[in-house]
Amino acid sequence: LVLVTSDPQTSARPAEAVRIAAGVGAWKKAEVTLYLRGPAVRAVGEWVDELVDEDNFSRYLPIVRDFGRPVYVQRGAAELADLGEAPVPFEEIDDVRLAELTAQANYVLRF
């Protein structure tokens, strides 16, 4: 589970998290799940060109999408209202579902 909470408007950490998730998942030796919380939800928005290291979002989110599961985002996050048309499918989940994902994961990487 790659859990991202950093703000992609001010930090390169979310872009790096997406790059790492795509790279590890591409090996097909581990199932990788990406979860975005709070300001990190902006990473699935239409306007990633306003984010730090925007290239990583446009290049690697489609790879994450091809893992066969959605990108998970925080249900009710304020940033959801400003996403525009998301280029990748995402699913809003609550904290209970996040806890389930975390419990099922062998590893949790937090960015």
Protein backbone atom coordinates (compact mmCIF):
# COMPACT_ATOMS: atom_id res chain seq x y z
CA LEU A 1 0.00 0.00 0.00
CA VAL A 2 1.41 3.36 -1.02
CA LEU A 3 -0.27 5.98 1.15
CA VAL A 4 0.23 9.59 0.06
CA THR A 5 -0.71 12.58 2.22
CA SER A 6 1.81 15.23 1.12
CA ASP A 7 0.65 18.23 -0.89
CA PRO A 8 1.72 17.85 -4.55
CA GLN A 9 1.57 21.63 -5.00
CA THR A 10 4.48 22.12 -2.58
CA SER A 11 6.26 18.76 -2.35
CA ALA A 12 7.82 16.31 -4.80
CA ARG A 13 6.97 13.40 -2.48
CA PRO A 14 3.56 12.60 -4.07
CA ALA A 15 5.07 12.49 -7.57
CA GLU A 16 7.85 10.23 -6.33
CA ALA A 17 5.30 7.98 -4.61
CA VAL A 18 3.38 7.56 -7.87
CA ARG A 19 6.62 6.80 -9.74
CA ILE A 20 7.63 4.19 -7.16
CA ALA A 21 4.17 2.59 -7.13
CA ALA A 22 4.23 2.29 -10.93
CA GLY A 23 7.75 0.88 -10.93
CA VAL A 24 7.17 -1.73 -8.23
CA GLY A 25 3.82 -2.78 -9.72
CA ALA A 26 5.32 -3.15 -13.18
CA TRP A 27 7.47 -6.03 -11.89
CA LYS A 28 4.24 -8.02 -11.39
CA LYS A 29 5.78 -9.61 -8.28
CA ALA A 30 3.74 -7.52 -5.85
CA GLU A 31 0.25 -6.06 -5.86
CA VAL A 32 0.49 -2.31 -5.41
CA THR A 33 -2.39 -0.17 -4.18
CA LEU A 34 -2.24 3.63 -4.27
CA TYR A 35 -4.21 5.73 -1.77
CA LEU A 36 -4.32 9.55 -1.82
CA ARG A 37 -5.47 11.55 1.19
CA GLY A 38 -6.12 15.24 1.74
CA PRO A 39 -4.15 17.50 -0.59
CA ALA A 40 -2.59 14.47 -2.32
CA VAL A 41 -5.98 13.87 -3.97
CA ARG A 42 -4.99 16.64 -6.44
CA ALA A 43 -2.69 14.09 -8.12
CA VAL A 44 -5.65 12.49 -9.94
CA GLY A 45 -6.94 15.82 -11.16
CA GLU A 46 -7.09 17.21 -14.65
CA TRP A 47 -4.53 19.97 -13.99
CA VAL A 48 -1.38 18.16 -12.84
CA ASP A 49 0.73 20.74 -14.67
CA GLU A 50 0.26 22.92 -11.56
CA LEU A 51 1.92 20.28 -9.35
CA VAL A 52 5.58 19.67 -8.44
CA ASP A 53 7.17 17.13 -10.84
CA GLU A 54 3.95 17.00 -12.85
CA ASP A 55 5.55 14.72 -15.42
CA ASN A 56 5.50 11.83 -12.96
CA PHE A 57 1.71 12.07 -12.63
CA SER A 58 1.03 12.10 -16.37
CA ARG A 59 3.57 9.40 -17.09
CA TYR A 60 3.06 6.97 -14.19
CA LEU A 61 -0.60 7.22 -13.11
CA PRO A 62 -1.73 5.44 -16.31
CA ILE A 63 0.62 2.58 -15.39
CA VAL A 64 -0.93 2.41 -11.91
CA ARG A 65 -4.38 2.45 -13.53
CA ASP A 66 -3.43 -0.62 -15.56
CA PHE A 67 -2.92 -2.66 -12.36
CA GLY A 68 -6.64 -3.46 -12.56
CA ARG A 69 -7.84 -1.56 -9.50
CA PRO A 70 -8.69 2.05 -9.00
CA VAL A 71 -6.59 4.65 -7.29
CA TYR A 72 -8.21 5.08 -3.89
CA VAL A 73 -8.85 8.58 -2.54
CA GLN A 74 -10.16 9.93 0.74
CA ARG A 75 -13.94 10.09 0.73
CA GLY A 76 -15.16 13.65 1.16
CA ALA A 77 -11.76 15.30 0.68
CA ALA A 78 -12.21 19.01 -0.05
CA GLU A 79 -9.86 18.73 -3.04
CA LEU A 80 -12.31 16.45 -4.88
CA ALA A 81 -14.40 19.47 -5.85
CA ASP A 82 -11.54 20.94 -7.90
CA LEU A 83 -10.30 17.90 -9.84
CA GLY A 84 -11.95 18.57 -13.18
CA GLU A 85 -12.06 15.48 -15.37
CA ALA A 86 -9.80 12.89 -13.78
CA PRO A 87 -7.56 11.11 -16.31
CA VAL A 88 -7.54 7.91 -14.23
CA PRO A 89 -10.43 6.17 -12.47
CA PHE A 90 -10.51 6.58 -8.74
CA GLU A 91 -12.67 5.35 -5.92
CA GLU A 92 -13.53 7.29 -2.80
CA ILE A 93 -13.15 5.25 0.37
CA ASP A 94 -13.71 6.02 4.04
CA ASP A 95 -11.29 5.49 6.91
CA VAL A 96 -12.78 2.07 7.72
CA ARG A 97 -11.95 0.80 4.22
CA LEU A 98 -8.48 2.38 4.47
CA ALA A 99 -7.94 0.47 7.71
CA GLU A 100 -8.95 -2.75 5.93
CA LEU A 101 -6.51 -2.06 3.07
CA THR A 102 -3.76 -1.33 5.57
CA ALA A 103 -4.45 -4.53 7.51
CA GLN A 104 -4.34 -6.57 4.29
CA ALA A 105 -1.07 -5.01 3.09
CA ASN A 106 2.28 -6.64 3.68
CA TYR A 107 3.98 -3.25 3.48
CA VAL A 108 2.78 0.33 3.85
CA LEU A 109 4.86 3.13 2.37
CA ARG A 110 3.85 6.61 3.48
CA PHE A 111 4.74 9.72 1.53
